[in-house]
């Protein structure tokens, strides 16, 4: 099933505005602070990213500053485990590290090049919901902006690690980001094993192609993080 144009816009808005708004394009240890609530993690990082998107800097500088802000909000070790799922054990420790780095790079390549489409968005926090495993989902809407994709529902699932809350999944209009990329990656692994996936990620990153758009897999409003 091919996603329609509105779904594509929502997927892009999620990763360049939503995931970027929670912080997914860089590695800064201080992006999330111990003691911050899940709601605060999302609110604070959303405002920081909006400031970058609305600045007068060129796109390369915006991406650079987003990369300095963002990955500290994501527990990418957990995200990698969730995305690879049953295939995680087939990856050696070295391959797991390579996957994490290539996946991070692929996200930057895929959504960083669309940074110019965003700005003037507003993130409205609607509330929190307790989840299994002690997780918390922060419910929000993204409204306004240049893309004019409408009012986009975005849920951020966070998990606490060493006293700090990190994002482990983003659900955009009922579509789990983790589930979507799990589906894409597992098909590749099933055909050629871990090295096939790593090779494809390297090739896409080197060519600037990036990842395929987020698709409407398992559109039931549930996170794939359980």
N, C-alpha and C. Protein backbone atom coordinates (compact mmCIF):
# COMPACT_ATOMS: atom_id res chain seq x y z
N UNK A 1 0.84 -1.20 0.00
CA UNK A 1 0.00 0.00 0.00
C UNK A 1 0.87 1.24 0.00
N UNK A 2 0.65 2.11 -0.98
CA UNK A 2 1.44 3.32 -1.07
C UNK A 2 0.81 4.42 -0.23
N UNK A 3 1.60 5.14 0.60
CA UNK A 3 1.04 6.22 1.38
C UNK A 3 0.60 7.36 0.47
N UNK A 4 -0.52 8.05 0.84
CA UNK A 4 -0.97 9.17 0.04
C UNK A 4 -0.12 10.39 0.32
N UNK A 5 -0.38 11.48 -0.43
CA UNK A 5 0.48 12.66 -0.31
C UNK A 5 0.41 13.26 1.08
N UNK A 6 -0.79 13.25 1.68
CA UNK A 6 -0.90 13.83 3.02
C UNK A 6 -0.10 13.01 4.02
N UNK A 7 -0.16 11.65 3.89
CA UNK A 7 0.60 10.80 4.79
C UNK A 7 2.08 11.04 4.63
N UNK A 8 2.56 11.21 3.38
CA UNK A 8 3.96 11.52 3.16
C UNK A 8 4.35 12.81 3.85
N UNK A 9 3.51 13.84 3.74
CA UNK A 9 3.81 15.11 4.39
C UNK A 9 3.87 14.93 5.89
N UNK A 10 2.96 14.12 6.43
CA UNK A 10 2.96 13.91 7.88
C UNK A 10 4.20 13.16 8.31
N UNK A 11 4.65 12.17 7.48
CA UNK A 11 5.85 11.45 7.83
C UNK A 11 7.07 12.34 7.83
N UNK A 12 7.17 13.18 6.81
CA UNK A 12 8.29 14.10 6.75
C UNK A 12 8.22 15.10 7.88
N UNK A 13 7.03 15.62 8.14
CA UNK A 13 6.88 16.58 9.23
C UNK A 13 7.24 15.95 10.56
N UNK A 14 6.95 14.67 10.70
CA UNK A 14 7.28 14.01 11.95
C UNK A 14 8.77 13.96 12.18
N UNK A 15 9.53 13.58 11.14
CA UNK A 15 10.96 13.41 11.35
C UNK A 15 11.76 14.69 11.20
N UNK A 16 11.28 15.63 10.45
CA UNK A 16 11.99 16.89 10.37
C UNK A 16 11.41 17.91 11.32
N UNK A 17 10.20 17.72 11.73
CA UNK A 17 9.62 18.62 12.72
C UNK A 17 9.35 17.90 14.02
N UNK A 18 8.83 16.68 13.97
CA UNK A 18 8.47 15.99 15.20
C UNK A 18 9.66 15.33 15.87
N UNK A 19 10.29 14.39 15.16
CA UNK A 19 11.47 13.77 15.76
C UNK A 19 12.57 14.79 15.93
N UNK A 20 12.72 15.66 14.96
CA UNK A 20 13.71 16.73 15.13
C UNK A 20 13.29 17.60 16.30
N UNK A 21 12.00 17.81 16.46
CA UNK A 21 11.53 18.65 17.56
C UNK A 21 11.77 17.99 18.91
N UNK A 22 11.89 16.68 18.94
CA UNK A 22 12.28 16.05 20.20
C UNK A 22 13.79 15.87 20.25
N UNK A 23 14.41 15.91 19.06
CA UNK A 23 15.85 15.86 18.94
C UNK A 23 16.37 14.55 18.42
N UNK A 24 16.44 14.40 17.11
CA UNK A 24 16.94 13.15 16.54
C UNK A 24 18.05 13.33 15.55
N UNK A 25 18.78 14.36 15.52
CA UNK A 25 19.78 14.48 14.49
C UNK A 25 21.16 14.82 15.03
N UNK A 26 21.46 14.48 16.28
CA UNK A 26 22.80 14.77 16.77
C UNK A 26 23.07 14.15 18.12
N UNK A 27 24.29 14.27 18.56
CA UNK A 27 24.72 13.58 19.77
C UNK A 27 25.31 14.58 20.75
N UNK A 28 24.49 15.05 21.67
CA UNK A 28 24.93 15.99 22.69
C UNK A 28 24.50 15.45 24.05
N UNK A 29 25.43 15.01 24.91
CA UNK A 29 25.08 14.36 26.15
C UNK A 29 24.15 15.19 27.03
N UNK A 30 24.18 16.51 26.95
CA UNK A 30 23.38 17.32 27.85
C UNK A 30 22.02 17.69 27.34
N UNK A 31 21.57 17.11 26.21
CA UNK A 31 20.30 17.51 25.63
C UNK A 31 19.14 17.21 26.57
N UNK A 32 19.16 16.08 27.26
CA UNK A 32 18.17 15.76 28.27
C UNK A 32 18.87 15.70 29.62
N UNK A 33 18.26 16.32 30.62
CA UNK A 33 18.89 16.40 31.92
C UNK A 33 18.21 15.48 32.91
N UNK A 34 18.99 14.89 33.79
CA UNK A 34 18.43 14.06 34.85
C UNK A 34 17.48 14.92 35.68
N UNK A 35 16.32 14.37 35.99
CA UNK A 35 15.34 15.10 36.78
C UNK A 35 14.24 15.73 35.95
N UNK A 36 14.49 15.95 34.64
CA UNK A 36 13.45 16.49 33.78
C UNK A 36 12.35 15.45 33.59
N UNK A 37 11.10 15.88 33.61
CA UNK A 37 9.98 14.98 33.35
C UNK A 37 9.90 14.70 31.86
N UNK A 38 9.20 13.63 31.46
CA UNK A 38 9.03 13.36 30.02
C UNK A 38 8.44 14.55 29.28
N UNK A 39 7.45 15.19 29.87
CA UNK A 39 6.84 16.36 29.22
C UNK A 39 7.87 17.48 29.03
N UNK A 40 8.70 17.69 30.04
CA UNK A 40 9.70 18.75 29.96
C UNK A 40 10.72 18.44 28.88
N UNK A 41 11.14 17.17 28.76
CA UNK A 41 12.10 16.78 27.72
C UNK A 41 11.57 17.16 26.35
N UNK A 42 10.30 16.84 26.08
CA UNK A 42 9.72 17.15 24.77
C UNK A 42 9.55 18.66 24.60
N UNK A 43 9.01 19.31 25.61
CA UNK A 43 8.75 20.76 25.49
C UNK A 43 10.03 21.56 25.27
N UNK A 44 11.04 21.30 26.10
CA UNK A 44 12.28 22.08 26.03
C UNK A 44 12.98 21.87 24.70
N UNK A 45 13.11 20.62 24.27
CA UNK A 45 13.80 20.35 23.01
C UNK A 45 13.01 20.85 21.81
N UNK A 46 11.68 20.80 21.89
CA UNK A 46 10.86 21.33 20.80
C UNK A 46 11.11 22.82 20.62
N UNK A 47 11.17 23.55 21.71
CA UNK A 47 11.40 24.99 21.62
C UNK A 47 12.80 25.31 21.10
N UNK A 48 13.79 24.52 21.51
CA UNK A 48 15.15 24.74 21.02
C UNK A 48 15.22 24.51 19.52
N UNK A 49 14.57 23.45 19.05
CA UNK A 49 14.62 23.14 17.62
C UNK A 49 13.84 24.18 16.82
N UNK A 50 12.70 24.62 17.35
CA UNK A 50 11.94 25.66 16.65
C UNK A 50 12.77 26.93 16.51
N UNK A 51 13.55 27.24 17.52
CA UNK A 51 14.42 28.42 17.45
C UNK A 51 15.43 28.28 16.32
N UNK A 52 15.98 27.07 16.17
CA UNK A 52 16.94 26.82 15.10
C UNK A 52 16.26 26.91 13.73
N UNK A 53 15.09 26.24 13.60
CA UNK A 53 14.39 26.23 12.32
C UNK A 53 13.97 27.63 11.90
N UNK A 54 13.65 28.49 12.87
CA UNK A 54 13.17 29.84 12.56
C UNK A 54 14.29 30.87 12.51
N UNK A 55 15.53 30.43 12.69
CA UNK A 55 16.66 31.35 12.65
C UNK A 55 16.95 31.75 11.21
N UNK A 56 17.77 32.75 11.03
CA UNK A 56 18.13 33.21 9.70
C UNK A 56 19.32 32.49 9.10
N UNK A 57 19.76 31.41 9.74
CA UNK A 57 20.93 30.68 9.27
C UNK A 57 20.60 29.90 8.00
N UNK A 58 21.65 29.56 7.24
CA UNK A 58 21.42 28.72 6.07
C UNK A 58 21.15 27.29 6.52
N UNK A 59 20.75 26.44 5.57
CA UNK A 59 20.32 25.09 5.92
C UNK A 59 21.45 24.26 6.52
N UNK A 60 22.66 24.40 5.99
CA UNK A 60 23.79 23.64 6.52
C UNK A 60 24.05 23.99 7.98
N UNK A 61 23.96 25.28 8.31
CA UNK A 61 24.17 25.70 9.69
C UNK A 61 23.05 25.20 10.59
N UNK A 62 21.82 25.22 10.08
CA UNK A 62 20.70 24.70 10.86
C UNK A 62 20.89 23.22 11.18
N UNK A 63 21.29 22.46 10.16
CA UNK A 63 21.52 21.03 10.37
C UNK A 63 22.65 20.81 11.37
N UNK A 64 23.70 21.60 11.24
CA UNK A 64 24.83 21.48 12.16
C UNK A 64 24.38 21.70 13.61
N UNK A 65 23.56 22.74 13.83
CA UNK A 65 23.11 23.03 15.19
C UNK A 65 22.10 21.99 15.69
N UNK A 66 21.28 21.47 14.77
CA UNK A 66 20.38 20.39 15.16
C UNK A 66 21.18 19.15 15.55
N UNK A 67 22.26 18.91 14.81
CA UNK A 67 23.11 17.76 15.13
C UNK A 67 23.83 17.95 16.47
N UNK A 68 24.03 19.17 16.88
CA UNK A 68 24.66 19.44 18.17
C UNK A 68 23.65 19.32 19.31
N UNK A 69 22.39 19.32 18.97
CA UNK A 69 21.33 19.30 19.98
C UNK A 69 20.74 17.93 20.24
N UNK A 70 20.54 17.15 19.18
CA UNK A 70 19.45 16.21 19.22
C UNK A 70 19.66 14.81 19.75
N UNK A 71 20.67 14.07 19.36
CA UNK A 71 20.71 12.66 19.72
C UNK A 71 20.79 12.43 21.22
N UNK A 72 21.11 13.43 21.99
CA UNK A 72 21.10 13.26 23.43
C UNK A 72 19.72 13.05 23.98
N UNK A 73 18.68 13.29 23.18
CA UNK A 73 17.31 13.08 23.60
C UNK A 73 16.82 11.68 23.28
N UNK A 74 17.53 10.99 22.39
CA UNK A 74 17.14 9.66 21.94
C UNK A 74 18.04 8.60 22.57
N UNK A 75 17.43 7.54 23.07
CA UNK A 75 18.21 6.38 23.52
C UNK A 75 18.38 5.48 22.29
N UNK A 76 19.44 5.74 21.52
CA UNK A 76 19.59 5.05 20.25
C UNK A 76 19.98 3.59 20.40
N UNK A 77 20.55 3.23 21.53
CA UNK A 77 20.82 1.81 21.78
C UNK A 77 19.50 1.05 21.86
N UNK A 78 18.54 1.61 22.62
CA UNK A 78 17.23 0.97 22.72
C UNK A 78 16.49 1.01 21.40
N UNK A 79 16.53 2.14 20.70
CA UNK A 79 15.86 2.25 19.41
C UNK A 79 16.42 1.21 18.43
N UNK A 80 17.73 1.04 18.42
CA UNK A 80 18.35 0.05 17.53
C UNK A 80 17.86 -1.36 17.85
N UNK A 81 17.80 -1.68 19.13
CA UNK A 81 17.30 -3.00 19.54
C UNK A 81 15.86 -3.20 19.09
N UNK A 82 15.03 -2.17 19.25
CA UNK A 82 13.62 -2.27 18.88
C UNK A 82 13.45 -2.39 17.37
N UNK A 83 14.23 -1.64 16.61
CA UNK A 83 14.12 -1.67 15.15
C UNK A 83 14.59 -3.02 14.60
N UNK A 84 15.71 -3.53 15.13
CA UNK A 84 16.23 -4.81 14.64
C UNK A 84 15.46 -6.00 15.20
N UNK A 85 14.85 -5.82 16.37
CA UNK A 85 13.97 -6.82 16.97
C UNK A 85 14.64 -8.21 17.01
N UNK A 86 14.00 -9.21 16.40
CA UNK A 86 14.49 -10.58 16.51
C UNK A 86 15.86 -10.76 15.86
N UNK A 87 16.26 -9.84 14.99
CA UNK A 87 17.55 -9.96 14.31
C UNK A 87 18.70 -9.35 15.12
N UNK A 88 18.38 -8.69 16.23
CA UNK A 88 19.43 -8.05 17.04
C UNK A 88 20.53 -9.03 17.42
N UNK A 89 20.15 -10.26 17.78
CA UNK A 89 21.12 -11.25 18.22
C UNK A 89 22.02 -11.74 17.09
N UNK A 90 21.60 -11.53 15.83
CA UNK A 90 22.43 -11.95 14.70
C UNK A 90 23.57 -10.97 14.43
N UNK A 91 23.47 -9.76 15.00
CA UNK A 91 24.50 -8.74 14.80
C UNK A 91 25.59 -8.89 15.86
N UNK A 92 26.83 -8.86 15.43
CA UNK A 92 27.93 -8.84 16.38
C UNK A 92 27.95 -7.48 17.08
N UNK A 93 28.66 -7.37 18.22
CA UNK A 93 28.76 -6.05 18.87
C UNK A 93 29.27 -4.97 17.92
N UNK A 94 30.23 -5.30 17.07
CA UNK A 94 30.75 -4.33 16.11
C UNK A 94 29.69 -3.95 15.09
N UNK A 95 28.93 -4.92 14.61
CA UNK A 95 27.87 -4.65 13.64
C UNK A 95 26.76 -3.82 14.26
N UNK A 96 26.46 -4.06 15.53
CA UNK A 96 25.44 -3.26 16.22
C UNK A 96 25.85 -1.80 16.27
N UNK A 97 27.11 -1.55 16.59
CA UNK A 97 27.62 -0.18 16.64
C UNK A 97 27.58 0.46 15.25
N UNK A 98 27.97 -0.32 14.25
CA UNK A 98 27.95 0.19 12.88
C UNK A 98 26.52 0.51 12.46
N UNK A 99 25.59 -0.35 12.81
CA UNK A 99 24.19 -0.09 12.46
C UNK A 99 23.70 1.19 13.11
N UNK A 100 23.98 1.37 14.38
CA UNK A 100 23.52 2.57 15.08
C UNK A 100 24.06 3.84 14.41
N UNK A 101 25.35 3.83 14.08
CA UNK A 101 25.95 5.01 13.46
C UNK A 101 25.40 5.26 12.05
N UNK A 102 25.23 4.19 11.27
CA UNK A 102 24.72 4.35 9.92
C UNK A 102 23.24 4.76 9.94
N UNK A 103 22.48 4.24 10.90
CA UNK A 103 21.07 4.60 11.02
C UNK A 103 20.93 6.08 11.39
N UNK A 104 21.73 6.53 12.34
CA UNK A 104 21.73 7.95 12.70
C UNK A 104 22.03 8.81 11.47
N UNK A 105 23.07 8.42 10.75
CA UNK A 105 23.46 9.18 9.57
C UNK A 105 22.35 9.18 8.54
N UNK A 106 21.71 8.03 8.36
CA UNK A 106 20.63 7.93 7.38
C UNK A 106 19.47 8.85 7.72
N UNK A 107 19.16 8.98 8.99
CA UNK A 107 18.09 9.89 9.40
C UNK A 107 18.45 11.33 9.08
N UNK A 108 19.70 11.70 9.34
CA UNK A 108 20.13 13.05 9.03
C UNK A 108 20.07 13.30 7.52
N UNK A 109 20.56 12.35 6.73
CA UNK A 109 20.54 12.49 5.28
C UNK A 109 19.11 12.59 4.77
N UNK A 110 18.22 11.75 5.31
CA UNK A 110 16.85 11.68 4.82
C UNK A 110 16.05 12.92 5.13
N UNK A 111 16.17 13.41 6.35
CA UNK A 111 15.29 14.49 6.79
C UNK A 111 15.99 15.83 6.92
N UNK A 112 17.31 15.81 7.04
CA UNK A 112 18.04 17.06 7.12
C UNK A 112 17.92 17.87 5.85
N UNK A 113 17.86 17.20 4.70
CA UNK A 113 17.78 17.91 3.42
C UNK A 113 16.43 18.58 3.23
N UNK A 114 15.45 18.28 4.12
CA UNK A 114 14.13 18.90 4.03
C UNK A 114 13.95 20.01 5.06
N UNK A 115 15.03 20.37 5.74
CA UNK A 115 14.95 21.37 6.79
C UNK A 115 14.32 22.66 6.30
N UNK A 116 14.62 23.03 5.05
CA UNK A 116 14.11 24.28 4.51
C UNK A 116 12.59 24.33 4.40
N UNK A 117 11.93 23.16 4.48
CA UNK A 117 10.47 23.11 4.40
C UNK A 117 9.81 23.52 5.72
N UNK A 118 10.63 23.61 6.77
CA UNK A 118 10.04 23.78 8.09
C UNK A 118 10.41 25.10 8.74
N UNK A 119 9.55 25.51 9.64
CA UNK A 119 9.69 26.77 10.34
C UNK A 119 8.30 27.28 10.64
N UNK A 120 8.15 28.00 11.72
CA UNK A 120 6.88 28.58 12.14
C UNK A 120 5.90 27.57 12.71
N UNK A 121 6.35 26.30 12.87
CA UNK A 121 5.48 25.32 13.52
C UNK A 121 5.32 25.65 15.00
N UNK A 122 4.30 25.10 15.59
CA UNK A 122 4.07 25.20 17.02
C UNK A 122 3.75 23.82 17.56
N UNK A 123 4.38 23.46 18.66
CA UNK A 123 4.12 22.18 19.31
C UNK A 123 3.22 22.40 20.51
N UNK A 124 2.07 21.74 20.51
CA UNK A 124 1.12 21.86 21.60
C UNK A 124 1.10 20.54 22.37
N UNK A 125 1.51 20.56 23.62
CA UNK A 125 1.51 19.36 24.46
C UNK A 125 0.10 19.16 25.02
N UNK A 126 -0.45 17.96 24.80
CA UNK A 126 -1.81 17.66 25.21
C UNK A 126 -1.88 16.93 26.54
N UNK A 127 -0.84 16.16 26.87
CA UNK A 127 -0.86 15.40 28.11
C UNK A 127 0.13 14.25 28.09
N UNK A 128 0.04 13.40 29.10
CA UNK A 128 0.92 12.23 29.23
C UNK A 128 0.07 11.00 29.47
N UNK A 129 0.64 9.84 29.10
CA UNK A 129 -0.04 8.57 29.34
C UNK A 129 0.98 7.55 29.82
N UNK A 130 0.69 6.87 30.90
CA UNK A 130 1.56 5.82 31.41
C UNK A 130 1.47 4.60 30.51
N UNK A 131 2.62 3.95 30.29
CA UNK A 131 2.70 2.78 29.42
C UNK A 131 3.32 1.61 30.17
N UNK A 132 3.24 0.39 29.59
CA UNK A 132 3.95 -0.75 30.19
C UNK A 132 5.45 -0.49 30.26
N UNK A 133 6.12 -1.24 31.10
CA UNK A 133 7.57 -1.16 31.27
C UNK A 133 8.02 0.15 31.90
N UNK A 134 7.07 0.90 32.47
CA UNK A 134 7.42 2.17 33.10
C UNK A 134 7.58 3.32 32.13
N UNK A 135 7.28 3.09 30.84
CA UNK A 135 7.40 4.15 29.84
C UNK A 135 6.30 5.19 30.01
N UNK A 136 6.51 6.34 29.40
CA UNK A 136 5.51 7.40 29.37
C UNK A 136 5.38 7.92 27.95
N UNK A 137 4.16 8.09 27.48
CA UNK A 137 3.91 8.70 26.18
C UNK A 137 3.45 10.14 26.38
N UNK A 138 4.17 11.06 25.73
CA UNK A 138 3.79 12.47 25.74
C UNK A 138 3.01 12.74 24.46
N UNK A 139 1.77 13.18 24.63
CA UNK A 139 0.88 13.40 23.49
C UNK A 139 0.95 14.86 23.05
N UNK A 140 1.05 15.08 21.73
CA UNK A 140 1.16 16.45 21.24
C UNK A 140 0.54 16.59 19.86
N UNK A 141 0.38 17.83 19.46
CA UNK A 141 0.01 18.18 18.09
C UNK A 141 1.05 19.16 17.56
N UNK A 142 1.36 19.04 16.27
CA UNK A 142 2.16 20.05 15.59
C UNK A 142 1.20 20.85 14.71
N UNK A 143 1.19 22.14 14.88
CA UNK A 143 0.25 22.98 14.14
C UNK A 143 1.01 24.09 13.42
N UNK A 144 0.41 24.56 12.31
CA UNK A 144 0.99 25.67 11.56
C UNK A 144 2.20 25.25 10.75
N UNK A 145 3.01 26.25 10.39
CA UNK A 145 4.23 25.98 9.65
C UNK A 145 4.10 26.20 8.16
N UNK A 146 5.23 26.04 7.48
CA UNK A 146 5.30 26.29 6.05
C UNK A 146 4.61 25.22 5.21
N UNK A 147 4.66 23.96 5.70
CA UNK A 147 4.16 22.84 4.90
C UNK A 147 2.64 22.85 4.79
N UNK A 148 1.96 23.37 5.80
CA UNK A 148 0.50 23.43 5.83
C UNK A 148 -0.11 22.04 5.71
N UNK A 149 0.46 21.09 6.43
CA UNK A 149 -0.05 19.71 6.39
C UNK A 149 -1.21 19.52 7.34
N UNK A 150 -1.60 20.57 8.05
CA UNK A 150 -2.70 20.44 8.98
C UNK A 150 -2.22 20.15 10.39
N UNK A 151 -3.15 19.86 11.24
CA UNK A 151 -2.88 19.56 12.64
C UNK A 151 -2.41 18.12 12.73
N UNK A 152 -1.13 17.90 13.05
CA UNK A 152 -0.55 16.55 13.04
C UNK A 152 -0.42 16.03 14.47
N UNK A 153 -1.01 14.89 14.72
CA UNK A 153 -0.92 14.25 16.03
C UNK A 153 0.39 13.49 16.14
N UNK A 154 1.19 13.81 17.16
CA UNK A 154 2.48 13.16 17.37
C UNK A 154 2.60 12.73 18.82
N UNK A 155 2.81 11.44 19.04
CA UNK A 155 3.05 10.91 20.39
C UNK A 155 4.51 10.51 20.51
N UNK A 156 5.15 10.94 21.59
CA UNK A 156 6.54 10.59 21.87
C UNK A 156 6.57 9.59 23.02
N UNK A 157 7.13 8.43 22.79
CA UNK A 157 7.26 7.45 23.86
C UNK A 157 8.65 7.57 24.46
N UNK A 158 8.71 7.72 25.78
CA UNK A 158 9.98 7.90 26.48
C UNK A 158 10.17 6.81 27.51
N UNK A 159 11.44 6.48 27.74
CA UNK A 159 11.81 5.46 28.74
C UNK A 159 12.95 6.04 29.58
N UNK A 160 12.90 5.76 30.87
CA UNK A 160 13.90 6.31 31.78
C UNK A 160 15.12 5.41 31.84
N UNK A 161 16.29 6.03 31.79
CA UNK A 161 17.55 5.31 31.86
C UNK A 161 18.53 6.12 32.69
N UNK A 162 18.99 5.54 33.79
CA UNK A 162 19.92 6.22 34.69
C UNK A 162 19.38 7.57 35.15
N UNK A 163 18.07 7.61 35.41
CA UNK A 163 17.45 8.81 35.94
C UNK A 163 17.07 9.86 34.92
N UNK A 164 17.30 9.59 33.62
CA UNK A 164 17.00 10.55 32.56
C UNK A 164 16.02 9.92 31.58
N UNK A 165 15.06 10.73 31.12
CA UNK A 165 14.07 10.26 30.15
C UNK A 165 14.57 10.48 28.72
N UNK A 166 14.46 9.40 27.92
CA UNK A 166 14.88 9.45 26.52
C UNK A 166 13.73 9.00 25.61
N UNK A 167 13.65 9.59 24.44
CA UNK A 167 12.67 9.17 23.44
C UNK A 167 13.11 7.83 22.85
N UNK A 168 12.16 6.88 22.76
CA UNK A 168 12.47 5.59 22.15
C UNK A 168 11.55 5.26 20.97
N UNK A 169 10.52 6.07 20.77
CA UNK A 169 9.66 5.88 19.60
C UNK A 169 8.84 7.15 19.41
N UNK A 170 8.43 7.39 18.18
CA UNK A 170 7.54 8.49 17.84
C UNK A 170 6.41 7.91 17.00
N UNK A 171 5.18 8.23 17.37
CA UNK A 171 4.01 7.70 16.67
C UNK A 171 3.30 8.88 16.03
N UNK A 172 3.29 8.93 14.71
CA UNK A 172 2.74 10.05 13.95
C UNK A 172 1.42 9.62 13.32
N UNK A 173 0.32 10.25 13.76
CA UNK A 173 -1.00 9.89 13.26
C UNK A 173 -1.21 8.37 13.32
N UNK A 174 -0.77 7.76 14.42
CA UNK A 174 -0.96 6.33 14.63
C UNK A 174 0.11 5.44 14.03
N UNK A 175 1.10 6.02 13.35
CA UNK A 175 2.15 5.22 12.71
C UNK A 175 3.42 5.27 13.55
N UNK A 176 3.86 4.12 14.03
CA UNK A 176 5.08 4.03 14.82
C UNK A 176 6.30 4.10 13.91
N UNK A 177 7.19 5.04 14.21
CA UNK A 177 8.43 5.16 13.44
C UNK A 177 9.27 3.90 13.58
N UNK A 178 9.37 3.38 14.79
CA UNK A 178 10.13 2.14 15.02
C UNK A 178 9.56 1.00 14.19
N UNK A 179 8.24 0.85 14.22
CA UNK A 179 7.60 -0.23 13.47
C UNK A 179 7.83 -0.09 11.98
N UNK A 180 7.76 1.14 11.47
CA UNK A 180 7.93 1.36 10.05
C UNK A 180 9.33 0.96 9.58
N UNK A 181 10.36 1.42 10.30
CA UNK A 181 11.72 1.08 9.89
C UNK A 181 12.05 -0.38 10.20
N UNK A 182 11.43 -0.94 11.22
CA UNK A 182 11.61 -2.38 11.48
C UNK A 182 11.16 -3.18 10.28
N UNK A 183 10.00 -2.84 9.74
CA UNK A 183 9.48 -3.56 8.58
C UNK A 183 10.43 -3.45 7.39
N UNK A 184 10.92 -2.24 7.12
CA UNK A 184 11.84 -2.05 6.00
C UNK A 184 13.13 -2.83 6.19
N UNK A 185 13.72 -2.74 7.38
CA UNK A 185 15.03 -3.34 7.62
C UNK A 185 14.96 -4.86 7.72
N UNK A 186 13.89 -5.39 8.30
CA UNK A 186 13.81 -6.85 8.46
C UNK A 186 13.70 -7.54 7.11
N UNK A 187 13.06 -6.91 6.16
CA UNK A 187 12.98 -7.50 4.82
C UNK A 187 14.38 -7.61 4.21
N UNK A 188 15.19 -6.59 4.39
CA UNK A 188 16.56 -6.59 3.86
C UNK A 188 17.40 -7.64 4.57
N UNK A 189 17.31 -7.68 5.91
CA UNK A 189 18.09 -8.65 6.67
C UNK A 189 17.69 -10.07 6.29
N UNK A 190 16.40 -10.29 6.10
CA UNK A 190 15.93 -11.62 5.73
C UNK A 190 16.49 -12.09 4.41
N UNK A 191 16.82 -11.15 3.54
CA UNK A 191 17.37 -11.50 2.22
C UNK A 191 18.88 -11.69 2.22
N UNK A 192 19.58 -10.97 3.12
CA UNK A 192 21.03 -11.05 3.05
C UNK A 192 21.78 -10.91 4.36
N UNK A 193 21.06 -10.95 5.48
CA UNK A 193 21.73 -10.89 6.77
C UNK A 193 22.16 -9.49 7.16
N UNK A 194 22.81 -9.35 8.31
CA UNK A 194 23.24 -8.04 8.81
C UNK A 194 24.11 -7.26 7.84
N UNK A 195 25.04 -7.92 7.16
CA UNK A 195 25.94 -7.20 6.26
C UNK A 195 25.21 -6.59 5.08
N UNK A 196 24.13 -7.21 4.65
CA UNK A 196 23.33 -6.65 3.55
C UNK A 196 22.70 -5.33 4.00
N UNK A 197 22.15 -5.30 5.20
CA UNK A 197 21.54 -4.07 5.70
C UNK A 197 22.59 -2.98 5.88
N UNK A 198 23.72 -3.33 6.48
CA UNK A 198 24.78 -2.34 6.68
C UNK A 198 25.28 -1.79 5.35
N UNK A 199 25.43 -2.66 4.37
CA UNK A 199 25.91 -2.23 3.06
C UNK A 199 24.91 -1.28 2.42
N UNK A 200 23.62 -1.57 2.52
CA UNK A 200 22.60 -0.71 1.92
C UNK A 200 22.56 0.65 2.61
N UNK A 201 22.68 0.66 3.94
CA UNK A 201 22.69 1.93 4.65
C UNK A 201 23.90 2.77 4.26
N UNK A 202 25.06 2.12 4.16
CA UNK A 202 26.27 2.84 3.75
C UNK A 202 26.10 3.45 2.36
N UNK A 203 25.53 2.65 1.44
CA UNK A 203 25.35 3.12 0.07
C UNK A 203 24.38 4.30 0.01
N UNK A 204 23.28 4.20 0.74
CA UNK A 204 22.29 5.27 0.74
C UNK A 204 22.87 6.55 1.36
N UNK A 205 23.66 6.38 2.40
CA UNK A 205 24.27 7.55 3.04
C UNK A 205 25.30 8.20 2.13
N UNK A 206 26.11 7.36 1.47
CA UNK A 206 27.15 7.89 0.58
C UNK A 206 26.56 8.61 -0.62
N UNK A 207 25.43 8.12 -1.12
CA UNK A 207 24.79 8.72 -2.30
C UNK A 207 23.91 9.90 -1.96
N UNK A 208 23.60 10.05 -0.64
CA UNK A 208 22.69 11.12 -0.23
C UNK A 208 21.24 10.77 -0.43
N UNK A 209 20.97 9.51 -0.74
CA UNK A 209 19.59 9.07 -1.00
C UNK A 209 18.77 9.03 0.29
N UNK A 210 19.36 8.52 1.35
CA UNK A 210 18.65 8.42 2.61
C UNK A 210 17.66 7.28 2.62
N UNK A 211 16.82 7.25 3.65
CA UNK A 211 15.86 6.17 3.86
C UNK A 211 14.58 6.42 3.10
N UNK A 212 13.84 5.32 2.86
CA UNK A 212 12.53 5.45 2.24
C UNK A 212 11.58 6.17 3.20
N UNK A 213 10.56 6.85 2.67
CA UNK A 213 9.63 7.57 3.54
C UNK A 213 8.94 6.64 4.52
N UNK A 214 8.57 7.20 5.65
CA UNK A 214 7.81 6.44 6.64
C UNK A 214 6.49 6.05 6.01
N UNK A 215 6.10 4.76 6.15
CA UNK A 215 4.87 4.27 5.56
C UNK A 215 3.86 3.93 6.63
N UNK A 216 2.64 3.68 6.20
CA UNK A 216 1.54 3.45 7.13
C UNK A 216 1.45 1.98 7.54
N UNK A 217 2.53 1.44 8.09
CA UNK A 217 2.51 0.07 8.58
C UNK A 217 1.98 0.07 10.00
N UNK A 218 1.15 -0.91 10.32
CA UNK A 218 0.61 -1.09 11.66
C UNK A 218 0.02 0.21 12.20
N UNK A 219 -0.87 0.81 11.40
CA UNK A 219 -1.46 2.09 11.80
C UNK A 219 -2.58 1.85 12.79
N UNK A 220 -2.22 1.55 14.02
CA UNK A 220 -3.21 1.28 15.05
C UNK A 220 -3.02 2.16 16.28
N UNK A 221 -2.14 3.14 16.18
CA UNK A 221 -1.91 4.05 17.29
C UNK A 221 -0.99 3.53 18.35
N UNK A 222 -0.44 2.32 18.17
CA UNK A 222 0.38 1.70 19.19
C UNK A 222 1.85 1.86 18.88
N UNK A 223 2.65 1.98 19.91
CA UNK A 223 4.09 2.01 19.75
C UNK A 223 4.60 0.59 19.57
N UNK A 224 5.73 0.46 18.88
CA UNK A 224 6.37 -0.85 18.72
C UNK A 224 7.43 -1.06 19.79
N UNK A 225 7.36 -0.30 20.88
CA UNK A 225 8.43 -0.30 21.88
C UNK A 225 8.19 -1.27 23.02
N UNK A 226 7.16 -2.09 22.94
CA UNK A 226 6.88 -3.01 24.05
C UNK A 226 7.47 -4.37 23.80
